Amino acid sequence: MSLPSEQNWLVLYNLISDLSERGYEIPKGINPEMGLIRSSINSYKRDPTHPDLINGFANAEMSLSTIQGTILSIAEEEGEEYTEFWLDLFKRAMKGEEMFEFPKSRSTFLVNTPPGLTTGRINLKVPLAEERVQEIAEWNGLIIEFDDDVTVSLHGDKPDLQIGLKEMGSFFLEDNEEIT
């Protein structure tokens, strides 16, 4: 489920992108601020009861409104019809209508990473036999976690982790040889 603020952020993001493609200059501080706003929204979604996250979310919504005003004033240069189109999208977003989706991100935060250890993560195109990965992890003294069939997290001392990852690199070569 998407919050109205998320949809508002997405509409604004798409408007900024469209204006940039049309050659308009977007004020410099807006893109970094958009990143912070998205982070605040995502943090709030994880725990909407935490007072700090509630305050951060409220600040994010105020920043979003300020940026929206700035960007809409730039959009007015494209004409009334263009501006009305985007205003309609903003109104629909605030009613909770889902018009855009966030792109699927491959980046995730690792929770409960063992302290003092280096972490590596591999995203595979094809699932591997779990035993092969476990063997390499054991040989190199690595802690291994399977997030799913194609995502493996490895934890260990940096030199051991580097060796383990290099050994697993052969899996990619083997897969490529089978394709050709």
N, C-alpha and C. Protein backbone atom coordinates (compact mmCIF):
# COMPACT_ATOMS: atom_id res chain seq x y z
N MET A 1 0.84 -1.18 0.00
CA MET A 1 0.00 0.00 0.00
C MET A 1 0.89 1.24 0.00
N SER A 2 0.44 2.22 -0.69
CA SER A 2 1.19 3.45 -0.87
C SER A 2 0.52 4.59 -0.09
N LEU A 3 1.33 5.38 0.60
CA LEU A 3 0.82 6.56 1.29
C LEU A 3 0.58 7.67 0.28
N PRO A 4 -0.38 8.57 0.55
CA PRO A 4 -0.57 9.71 -0.35
C PRO A 4 0.72 10.51 -0.54
N SER A 5 1.52 10.63 0.51
CA SER A 5 2.79 11.36 0.39
C SER A 5 3.74 10.69 -0.59
N GLU A 6 3.72 9.37 -0.64
CA GLU A 6 4.56 8.66 -1.60
C GLU A 6 4.12 8.96 -3.03
N GLN A 7 2.83 8.93 -3.25
CA GLN A 7 2.31 9.23 -4.58
C GLN A 7 2.59 10.68 -4.94
N ASN A 8 2.47 11.57 -3.97
CA ASN A 8 2.77 12.97 -4.20
C ASN A 8 4.25 13.12 -4.59
N TRP A 9 5.11 12.38 -3.87
CA TRP A 9 6.54 12.40 -4.19
C TRP A 9 6.78 11.90 -5.62
N LEU A 10 6.10 10.81 -5.98
CA LEU A 10 6.28 10.24 -7.33
C LEU A 10 5.79 11.18 -8.42
N VAL A 11 4.65 11.84 -8.19
CA VAL A 11 4.15 12.80 -9.17
C VAL A 11 5.17 13.93 -9.33
N LEU A 12 5.65 14.43 -8.20
CA LEU A 12 6.64 15.52 -8.23
C LEU A 12 7.93 15.07 -8.93
N TYR A 13 8.37 13.87 -8.62
CA TYR A 13 9.57 13.32 -9.27
C TYR A 13 9.38 13.26 -10.79
N ASN A 14 8.22 12.78 -11.22
CA ASN A 14 7.94 12.68 -12.66
C ASN A 14 7.83 14.05 -13.31
N LEU A 15 7.26 15.01 -12.59
CA LEU A 15 7.17 16.38 -13.10
C LEU A 15 8.57 16.98 -13.24
N ILE A 16 9.41 16.80 -12.24
CA ILE A 16 10.79 17.31 -12.31
C ILE A 16 11.52 16.68 -13.49
N SER A 17 11.36 15.38 -13.66
CA SER A 17 12.00 14.67 -14.78
C SER A 17 11.52 15.22 -16.12
N ASP A 18 10.21 15.42 -16.24
CA ASP A 18 9.65 15.93 -17.48
C ASP A 18 10.15 17.34 -17.78
N LEU A 19 10.18 18.18 -16.77
CA LEU A 19 10.67 19.55 -16.98
C LEU A 19 12.16 19.55 -17.36
N SER A 20 12.92 18.67 -16.74
CA SER A 20 14.35 18.57 -17.09
C SER A 20 14.53 18.15 -18.55
N GLU A 21 13.73 17.16 -18.98
CA GLU A 21 13.80 16.71 -20.38
C GLU A 21 13.40 17.81 -21.34
N ARG A 22 12.54 18.71 -20.90
CA ARG A 22 12.09 19.83 -21.75
C ARG A 22 13.08 21.00 -21.71
N GLY A 23 14.16 20.83 -20.96
CA GLY A 23 15.22 21.84 -20.95
C GLY A 23 15.14 22.87 -19.84
N TYR A 24 14.23 22.71 -18.91
CA TYR A 24 14.14 23.65 -17.80
C TYR A 24 15.21 23.33 -16.76
N GLU A 25 15.75 24.37 -16.15
CA GLU A 25 16.76 24.18 -15.11
C GLU A 25 16.05 24.05 -13.76
N ILE A 26 16.33 22.95 -13.08
CA ILE A 26 15.75 22.69 -11.77
C ILE A 26 16.73 23.25 -10.72
N PRO A 27 16.24 24.02 -9.75
CA PRO A 27 17.14 24.56 -8.71
C PRO A 27 17.98 23.45 -8.07
N LYS A 28 19.24 23.78 -7.78
CA LYS A 28 20.23 22.79 -7.36
C LYS A 28 19.87 21.98 -6.12
N GLY A 29 19.29 22.54 -5.10
CA GLY A 29 19.05 21.81 -3.86
C GLY A 29 17.87 20.87 -3.90
N ILE A 30 17.11 20.88 -4.97
CA ILE A 30 15.86 20.10 -5.00
C ILE A 30 16.12 18.59 -5.08
N ASN A 31 17.01 18.15 -5.95
CA ASN A 31 17.22 16.70 -6.07
C ASN A 31 17.72 16.05 -4.79
N PRO A 32 18.72 16.63 -4.09
CA PRO A 32 19.12 16.02 -2.81
C PRO A 32 17.98 16.05 -1.78
N GLU A 33 17.22 17.12 -1.78
CA GLU A 33 16.10 17.23 -0.84
C GLU A 33 15.05 16.15 -1.15
N MET A 34 14.82 15.87 -2.42
CA MET A 34 13.86 14.82 -2.80
C MET A 34 14.33 13.46 -2.26
N GLY A 35 15.64 13.22 -2.28
CA GLY A 35 16.17 11.98 -1.73
C GLY A 35 15.93 11.87 -0.23
N LEU A 36 16.14 12.96 0.47
CA LEU A 36 15.90 12.97 1.92
C LEU A 36 14.43 12.78 2.25
N ILE A 37 13.57 13.39 1.45
CA ILE A 37 12.13 13.23 1.66
C ILE A 37 11.72 11.78 1.48
N ARG A 38 12.23 11.16 0.43
CA ARG A 38 11.89 9.74 0.20
C ARG A 38 12.36 8.87 1.35
N SER A 39 13.56 9.14 1.86
CA SER A 39 14.08 8.38 3.00
C SER A 39 13.19 8.55 4.23
N SER A 40 12.76 9.78 4.47
CA SER A 40 11.90 10.05 5.63
C SER A 40 10.56 9.32 5.51
N ILE A 41 10.01 9.31 4.32
CA ILE A 41 8.74 8.61 4.09
C ILE A 41 8.92 7.11 4.33
N ASN A 42 9.99 6.54 3.77
CA ASN A 42 10.24 5.11 3.95
C ASN A 42 10.49 4.75 5.41
N SER A 43 11.22 5.61 6.13
CA SER A 43 11.47 5.35 7.56
C SER A 43 10.15 5.38 8.34
N TYR A 44 9.32 6.34 8.04
CA TYR A 44 8.03 6.45 8.71
C TYR A 44 7.18 5.20 8.46
N LYS A 45 7.21 4.69 7.24
CA LYS A 45 6.42 3.50 6.92
C LYS A 45 6.84 2.28 7.74
N ARG A 46 8.14 2.21 8.09
CA ARG A 46 8.62 1.07 8.87
C ARG A 46 8.11 1.09 10.30
N ASP A 47 7.95 2.30 10.88
CA ASP A 47 7.44 2.42 12.25
C ASP A 47 6.67 3.72 12.40
N PRO A 48 5.39 3.73 12.01
CA PRO A 48 4.59 4.96 12.07
C PRO A 48 4.22 5.39 13.49
N THR A 49 4.68 4.66 14.52
CA THR A 49 4.36 5.03 15.90
C THR A 49 5.51 5.74 16.60
N HIS A 50 6.69 5.71 16.02
CA HIS A 50 7.86 6.31 16.65
C HIS A 50 7.80 7.84 16.53
N PRO A 51 7.89 8.55 17.67
CA PRO A 51 7.73 10.02 17.65
C PRO A 51 8.73 10.73 16.73
N ASP A 52 9.99 10.30 16.72
CA ASP A 52 10.98 10.95 15.85
C ASP A 52 10.63 10.76 14.38
N LEU A 53 10.15 9.58 14.04
CA LEU A 53 9.79 9.31 12.65
C LEU A 53 8.53 10.08 12.25
N ILE A 54 7.63 10.25 13.19
CA ILE A 54 6.42 11.05 12.92
C ILE A 54 6.83 12.50 12.63
N ASN A 55 7.73 13.04 13.45
CA ASN A 55 8.20 14.42 13.23
C ASN A 55 8.96 14.53 11.90
N GLY A 56 9.80 13.55 11.62
CA GLY A 56 10.54 13.55 10.36
C GLY A 56 9.61 13.49 9.16
N PHE A 57 8.55 12.70 9.30
CA PHE A 57 7.56 12.57 8.22
C PHE A 57 6.83 13.89 8.01
N ALA A 58 6.46 14.56 9.11
CA ALA A 58 5.78 15.86 9.01
C ALA A 58 6.69 16.88 8.32
N ASN A 59 7.96 16.90 8.69
CA ASN A 59 8.92 17.81 8.04
C ASN A 59 9.07 17.49 6.56
N ALA A 60 9.08 16.19 6.25
CA ALA A 60 9.20 15.76 4.85
C ALA A 60 8.01 16.25 4.03
N GLU A 61 6.82 16.16 4.61
CA GLU A 61 5.63 16.62 3.89
C GLU A 61 5.67 18.12 3.66
N MET A 62 6.19 18.88 4.64
CA MET A 62 6.30 20.33 4.46
C MET A 62 7.31 20.66 3.36
N SER A 63 8.43 19.94 3.35
CA SER A 63 9.44 20.15 2.31
C SER A 63 8.88 19.79 0.94
N LEU A 64 8.10 18.72 0.90
CA LEU A 64 7.49 18.28 -0.35
C LEU A 64 6.57 19.37 -0.89
N SER A 65 5.78 19.99 -0.01
CA SER A 65 4.88 21.07 -0.43
C SER A 65 5.66 22.27 -0.96
N THR A 66 6.76 22.61 -0.28
CA THR A 66 7.57 23.74 -0.72
C THR A 66 8.16 23.49 -2.10
N ILE A 67 8.71 22.29 -2.28
CA ILE A 67 9.30 21.94 -3.59
C ILE A 67 8.22 21.91 -4.66
N GLN A 68 7.05 21.39 -4.31
CA GLN A 68 5.94 21.33 -5.27
C GLN A 68 5.59 22.73 -5.76
N GLY A 69 5.54 23.70 -4.85
CA GLY A 69 5.24 25.08 -5.25
C GLY A 69 6.30 25.63 -6.19
N THR A 70 7.56 25.38 -5.88
CA THR A 70 8.66 25.85 -6.72
C THR A 70 8.59 25.24 -8.11
N ILE A 71 8.38 23.93 -8.16
CA ILE A 71 8.37 23.22 -9.45
C ILE A 71 7.14 23.60 -10.27
N LEU A 72 6.00 23.77 -9.61
CA LEU A 72 4.79 24.16 -10.35
C LEU A 72 4.95 25.56 -10.94
N SER A 73 5.67 26.44 -10.26
CA SER A 73 5.89 27.77 -10.84
C SER A 73 6.75 27.67 -12.10
N ILE A 74 7.68 26.72 -12.13
CA ILE A 74 8.46 26.48 -13.34
C ILE A 74 7.56 25.87 -14.43
N ALA A 75 6.67 24.95 -14.01
CA ALA A 75 5.78 24.27 -14.96
C ALA A 75 4.82 25.26 -15.64
N GLU A 76 4.49 26.34 -14.96
CA GLU A 76 3.57 27.33 -15.54
C GLU A 76 4.11 27.93 -16.83
N GLU A 77 5.42 27.91 -16.99
CA GLU A 77 6.03 28.42 -18.22
C GLU A 77 5.67 27.56 -19.43
N GLU A 78 5.25 26.30 -19.18
CA GLU A 78 4.85 25.40 -20.27
C GLU A 78 3.41 25.66 -20.71
N GLY A 79 2.67 26.39 -19.91
CA GLY A 79 1.29 26.71 -20.28
C GLY A 79 0.29 26.17 -19.28
N GLU A 80 -0.93 26.68 -19.41
CA GLU A 80 -1.99 26.34 -18.47
C GLU A 80 -2.41 24.87 -18.55
N GLU A 81 -2.52 24.35 -19.76
CA GLU A 81 -2.95 22.96 -19.93
C GLU A 81 -1.95 22.00 -19.28
N TYR A 82 -0.68 22.26 -19.48
CA TYR A 82 0.39 21.44 -18.90
C TYR A 82 0.30 21.48 -17.37
N THR A 83 0.17 22.67 -16.82
CA THR A 83 0.10 22.84 -15.37
C THR A 83 -1.14 22.15 -14.80
N GLU A 84 -2.27 22.30 -15.47
CA GLU A 84 -3.51 21.67 -15.00
C GLU A 84 -3.40 20.15 -14.98
N PHE A 85 -2.73 19.59 -15.98
CA PHE A 85 -2.52 18.14 -16.03
C PHE A 85 -1.81 17.67 -14.77
N TRP A 86 -0.72 18.36 -14.41
CA TRP A 86 0.06 17.96 -13.23
C TRP A 86 -0.69 18.27 -11.94
N LEU A 87 -1.42 19.36 -11.89
CA LEU A 87 -2.22 19.66 -10.70
C LEU A 87 -3.26 18.58 -10.45
N ASP A 88 -3.85 18.08 -11.52
CA ASP A 88 -4.82 16.99 -11.40
C ASP A 88 -4.16 15.74 -10.83
N LEU A 89 -2.94 15.44 -11.29
CA LEU A 89 -2.23 14.29 -10.74
C LEU A 89 -1.93 14.47 -9.26
N PHE A 90 -1.55 15.68 -8.85
CA PHE A 90 -1.29 15.95 -7.43
C PHE A 90 -2.56 15.76 -6.61
N LYS A 91 -3.70 16.24 -7.11
CA LYS A 91 -4.97 16.10 -6.39
C LYS A 91 -5.33 14.63 -6.23
N ARG A 92 -5.16 13.87 -7.29
CA ARG A 92 -5.47 12.44 -7.23
C ARG A 92 -4.53 11.72 -6.26
N ALA A 93 -3.26 12.13 -6.24
CA ALA A 93 -2.29 11.52 -5.33
C ALA A 93 -2.68 11.77 -3.88
N MET A 94 -3.12 12.98 -3.58
CA MET A 94 -3.49 13.31 -2.21
C MET A 94 -4.77 12.61 -1.77
N LYS A 95 -5.55 12.14 -2.71
CA LYS A 95 -6.74 11.35 -2.37
C LYS A 95 -6.38 9.88 -2.18
N GLY A 96 -5.10 9.55 -2.38
CA GLY A 96 -4.66 8.18 -2.17
C GLY A 96 -4.68 7.31 -3.41
N GLU A 97 -4.99 7.90 -4.55
CA GLU A 97 -5.01 7.14 -5.79
C GLU A 97 -3.57 6.80 -6.20
N GLU A 98 -3.36 5.56 -6.55
CA GLU A 98 -2.02 5.12 -6.93
C GLU A 98 -1.85 5.23 -8.44
N MET A 99 -0.98 6.14 -8.86
CA MET A 99 -0.77 6.38 -10.28
C MET A 99 0.60 5.93 -10.75
N PHE A 100 1.57 5.96 -9.86
CA PHE A 100 2.93 5.58 -10.19
C PHE A 100 3.43 4.58 -9.16
N GLU A 101 4.41 3.79 -9.56
CA GLU A 101 5.05 2.85 -8.65
C GLU A 101 6.52 3.21 -8.55
N PHE A 102 7.09 2.98 -7.36
CA PHE A 102 8.53 3.14 -7.23
C PHE A 102 9.19 2.04 -8.03
N PRO A 103 10.27 2.36 -8.74
CA PRO A 103 11.00 1.30 -9.42
C PRO A 103 11.53 0.31 -8.39
N LYS A 104 11.56 -0.94 -8.75
CA LYS A 104 12.08 -1.97 -7.85
C LYS A 104 13.57 -1.73 -7.64
N SER A 105 13.94 -1.51 -6.40
CA SER A 105 15.34 -1.25 -6.08
C SER A 105 16.04 -2.54 -5.69
N ARG A 106 17.25 -2.70 -6.17
CA ARG A 106 18.03 -3.87 -5.79
C ARG A 106 18.79 -3.60 -4.50
N SER A 107 18.79 -2.35 -4.05
CA SER A 107 19.51 -2.00 -2.83
C SER A 107 18.63 -2.26 -1.62
N THR A 108 19.20 -2.92 -0.63
CA THR A 108 18.50 -3.13 0.62
C THR A 108 19.51 -2.99 1.75
N PHE A 109 19.01 -2.66 2.92
CA PHE A 109 19.87 -2.57 4.08
C PHE A 109 19.98 -3.94 4.71
N LEU A 110 21.19 -4.30 5.13
CA LEU A 110 21.38 -5.57 5.80
C LEU A 110 21.11 -5.37 7.28
N VAL A 111 20.16 -6.11 7.80
CA VAL A 111 19.79 -6.01 9.19
C VAL A 111 20.58 -7.05 9.97
N ASN A 112 21.01 -6.70 11.18
CA ASN A 112 21.73 -7.61 12.07
C ASN A 112 23.03 -8.12 11.48
N THR A 113 23.76 -7.27 10.79
CA THR A 113 25.07 -7.65 10.30
C THR A 113 25.98 -7.82 11.50
N PRO A 114 26.73 -8.93 11.56
CA PRO A 114 27.61 -9.15 12.71
C PRO A 114 28.63 -8.02 12.85
N PRO A 115 28.80 -7.48 14.06
CA PRO A 115 29.74 -6.38 14.26
C PRO A 115 31.19 -6.82 14.02
N GLY A 116 31.97 -5.91 13.44
CA GLY A 116 33.39 -6.18 13.22
C GLY A 116 33.69 -7.02 12.01
N LEU A 117 32.67 -7.44 11.27
CA LEU A 117 32.89 -8.26 10.08
C LEU A 117 32.55 -7.47 8.83
N THR A 118 33.17 -7.83 7.74
CA THR A 118 32.86 -7.23 6.45
C THR A 118 31.76 -8.06 5.81
N THR A 119 30.88 -7.40 5.08
CA THR A 119 29.74 -8.08 4.47
C THR A 119 29.78 -7.94 2.96
N GLY A 120 29.47 -9.02 2.28
CA GLY A 120 29.32 -9.01 0.83
C GLY A 120 27.99 -9.62 0.47
N ARG A 121 27.42 -9.17 -0.62
CA ARG A 121 26.12 -9.70 -1.06
C ARG A 121 26.20 -9.98 -2.55
N ILE A 122 25.68 -11.13 -2.93
CA ILE A 122 25.68 -11.53 -4.33
C ILE A 122 24.23 -11.71 -4.77
N ASN A 123 23.89 -11.08 -5.90
CA ASN A 123 22.58 -11.29 -6.53
C ASN A 123 22.84 -12.07 -7.82
N LEU A 124 22.34 -13.28 -7.87
CA LEU A 124 22.57 -14.16 -9.01
C LEU A 124 21.41 -14.09 -9.99
N LYS A 125 21.68 -14.41 -11.23
CA LYS A 125 20.61 -14.47 -12.22
C LYS A 125 19.90 -15.81 -12.16
N VAL A 126 20.66 -16.85 -11.81
CA VAL A 126 20.12 -18.21 -11.77
C VAL A 126 20.44 -18.80 -10.39
N PRO A 127 19.49 -19.46 -9.73
CA PRO A 127 19.77 -20.05 -8.42
C PRO A 127 20.91 -21.08 -8.51
N LEU A 128 21.74 -21.12 -7.46
CA LEU A 128 22.84 -22.07 -7.40
C LEU A 128 22.52 -23.15 -6.38
N ALA A 129 23.24 -24.24 -6.48
CA ALA A 129 23.11 -25.29 -5.48
C ALA A 129 23.66 -24.74 -4.16
N GLU A 130 22.85 -24.81 -3.13
CA GLU A 130 23.21 -24.25 -1.83
C GLU A 130 24.49 -24.87 -1.29
N GLU A 131 24.70 -26.15 -1.55
CA GLU A 131 25.87 -26.85 -1.02
C GLU A 131 27.18 -26.26 -1.52
N ARG A 132 27.22 -25.86 -2.79
CA ARG A 132 28.45 -25.29 -3.36
C ARG A 132 28.83 -24.00 -2.65
N VAL A 133 27.86 -23.15 -2.38
CA VAL A 133 28.12 -21.89 -1.71
C VAL A 133 28.53 -22.15 -0.26
N GLN A 134 27.87 -23.10 0.40
CA GLN A 134 28.21 -23.42 1.79
C GLN A 134 29.63 -23.97 1.91
N GLU A 135 30.07 -24.78 0.95
CA GLU A 135 31.44 -25.30 0.97
C GLU A 135 32.46 -24.17 0.95
N ILE A 136 32.27 -23.25 0.03
CA ILE A 136 33.21 -22.12 -0.08
C ILE A 136 33.19 -21.30 1.19
N ALA A 137 32.00 -21.08 1.75
CA ALA A 137 31.88 -20.32 2.99
C ALA A 137 32.64 -21.02 4.13
N GLU A 138 32.49 -22.33 4.23
CA GLU A 138 33.17 -23.08 5.28
C GLU A 138 34.69 -23.03 5.10
N TRP A 139 35.17 -23.22 3.87
CA TRP A 139 36.61 -23.21 3.61
C TRP A 139 37.24 -21.89 4.02
N ASN A 140 36.48 -20.80 3.88
CA ASN A 140 37.03 -19.48 4.13
C ASN A 140 36.57 -18.86 5.45
N GLY A 141 35.89 -19.64 6.27
CA GLY A 141 35.45 -19.15 7.58
C GLY A 141 34.43 -18.03 7.50
N LEU A 142 33.50 -18.13 6.57
CA LEU A 142 32.49 -17.08 6.36
C LEU A 142 31.14 -17.50 6.93
N ILE A 143 30.40 -16.52 7.39
CA ILE A 143 29.01 -16.73 7.79
C ILE A 143 28.17 -16.47 6.55
N ILE A 144 27.24 -17.36 6.27
CA ILE A 144 26.46 -17.23 5.04
C ILE A 144 24.97 -17.14 5.37
N GLU A 145 24.25 -16.30 4.64
CA GLU A 145 22.80 -16.17 4.77
C GLU A 145 22.19 -16.19 3.38
N PHE A 146 21.19 -17.02 3.19
CA PHE A 146 20.46 -17.05 1.93
C PHE A 146 19.21 -16.21 2.12
N ASP A 147 19.15 -15.05 1.46
CA ASP A 147 17.97 -14.20 1.55
C ASP A 147 16.82 -14.80 0.74
N ASP A 148 17.16 -15.37 -0.40
CA ASP A 148 16.22 -16.09 -1.25
C ASP A 148 17.06 -16.97 -2.17
N ASP A 149 16.47 -17.55 -3.20
CA ASP A 149 17.19 -18.48 -4.08
C ASP A 149 18.34 -17.83 -4.84
N VAL A 150 18.27 -16.52 -5.04
CA VAL A 150 19.27 -15.86 -5.87
C VAL A 150 20.06 -14.76 -5.14
N THR A 151 19.83 -14.60 -3.83
CA THR A 151 20.55 -13.57 -3.08
C THR A 151 21.26 -14.20 -1.89
N VAL A 152 22.58 -14.02 -1.84
CA VAL A 152 23.41 -14.60 -0.80
C VAL A 152 24.17 -13.49 -0.11
N SER A 153 24.14 -13.46 1.23
CA SER A 153 24.94 -12.52 2.01
C SER A 153 26.04 -13.29 2.70
N LEU A 154 27.26 -12.76 2.66
CA LEU A 154 28.42 -13.39 3.29
C LEU A 154 29.03 -12.41 4.28
N HIS A 155 29.42 -12.91 5.44
CA HIS A 155 30.04 -12.07 6.47
C HIS A 155 31.34 -12.74 6.90
N GLY A 156 32.39 -11.95 7.08
CA GLY A 156 33.66 -12.48 7.54
C GLY A 156 34.74 -11.42 7.54
N ASP A 157 35.95 -11.85 7.88
CA ASP A 157 37.09 -10.94 7.80
C ASP A 157 37.32 -10.57 6.35
N LYS A 158 37.72 -9.34 6.11
CA LYS A 158 37.81 -8.82 4.75
C LYS A 158 38.65 -9.70 3.81
N PRO A 159 39.85 -10.14 4.20
CA PRO A 159 40.64 -10.97 3.26
C PRO A 159 39.94 -12.30 2.94
N ASP A 160 39.32 -12.91 3.95
CA ASP A 160 38.61 -14.18 3.72
C ASP A 160 37.40 -13.96 2.82
N LEU A 161 36.70 -12.85 3.04
CA LEU A 161 35.53 -12.54 2.23
C LEU A 161 35.92 -12.31 0.78
N GLN A 162 37.02 -11.61 0.56
CA GLN A 162 37.49 -11.36 -0.81
C GLN A 162 37.82 -12.67 -1.52
N ILE A 163 38.49 -13.58 -0.82
CA ILE A 163 38.84 -14.87 -1.43
C ILE A 163 37.57 -15.66 -1.75
N GLY A 164 36.63 -15.68 -0.79
CA GLY A 164 35.37 -16.39 -1.01
C GLY A 164 34.59 -15.85 -2.20
N LEU A 165 34.55 -14.53 -2.31
CA LEU A 165 33.83 -13.92 -3.43
C LEU A 165 34.51 -14.23 -4.76
N LYS A 166 35.84 -14.23 -4.76
CA LYS A 166 36.57 -14.58 -5.99
C LYS A 166 36.27 -16.02 -6.40
N GLU A 167 36.23 -16.92 -5.44
CA GLU A 167 35.92 -18.32 -5.75
C GLU A 167 34.51 -18.46 -6.30
N MET A 168 33.59 -17.67 -5.77
CA MET A 168 32.22 -17.73 -6.26
C MET A 168 32.09 -17.09 -7.63
N GLY A 169 33.05 -16.26 -8.00
CA GLY A 169 33.05 -15.66 -9.33
C GLY A 169 33.07 -16.71 -10.43
N SER A 170 33.65 -17.87 -10.13
CA SER A 170 33.68 -18.94 -11.13
C SER A 170 32.27 -19.41 -11.48
N PHE A 171 31.33 -19.26 -10.55
CA PHE A 171 29.94 -19.65 -10.84
C PHE A 171 29.40 -18.86 -12.02
N PHE A 172 29.79 -17.58 -12.08
CA PHE A 172 29.30 -16.74 -13.16
C PHE A 172 29.90 -17.18 -14.48
N LEU A 173 31.18 -17.54 -14.47
CA LEU A 173 31.83 -18.00 -15.69
C LEU A 173 31.20 -19.30 -16.18
N GLU A 174 30.93 -20.21 -15.24
CA GLU A 174 30.31 -21.49 -15.63
C GLU A 174 28.95 -21.26 -16.26
N ASP A 175 28.16 -20.34 -15.70
CA ASP A 175 26.84 -20.05 -16.24
C ASP A 175 26.96 -19.45 -17.64
N ASN A 176 27.95 -18.56 -17.84
CA ASN A 176 28.15 -17.95 -19.16
C ASN A 176 28.58 -18.97 -20.18
N GLU A 177 29.41 -19.93 -19.78
CA GLU A 177 29.86 -20.95 -20.73
C GLU A 177 28.71 -21.85 -21.17
N GLU A 178 27.76 -22.11 -20.27
CA GLU A 178 26.64 -22.94 -20.64
C GLU A 178 25.70 -22.23 -21.62
N ILE A 179 25.65 -20.91 -21.52
CA ILE A 179 24.74 -20.14 -22.39
C ILE A 179 25.26 -20.13 -23.82
N THR A 180 26.58 -19.98 -24.00
CA THR A 180 27.14 -19.85 -25.35
C THR A 180 27.25 -21.14 -26.08
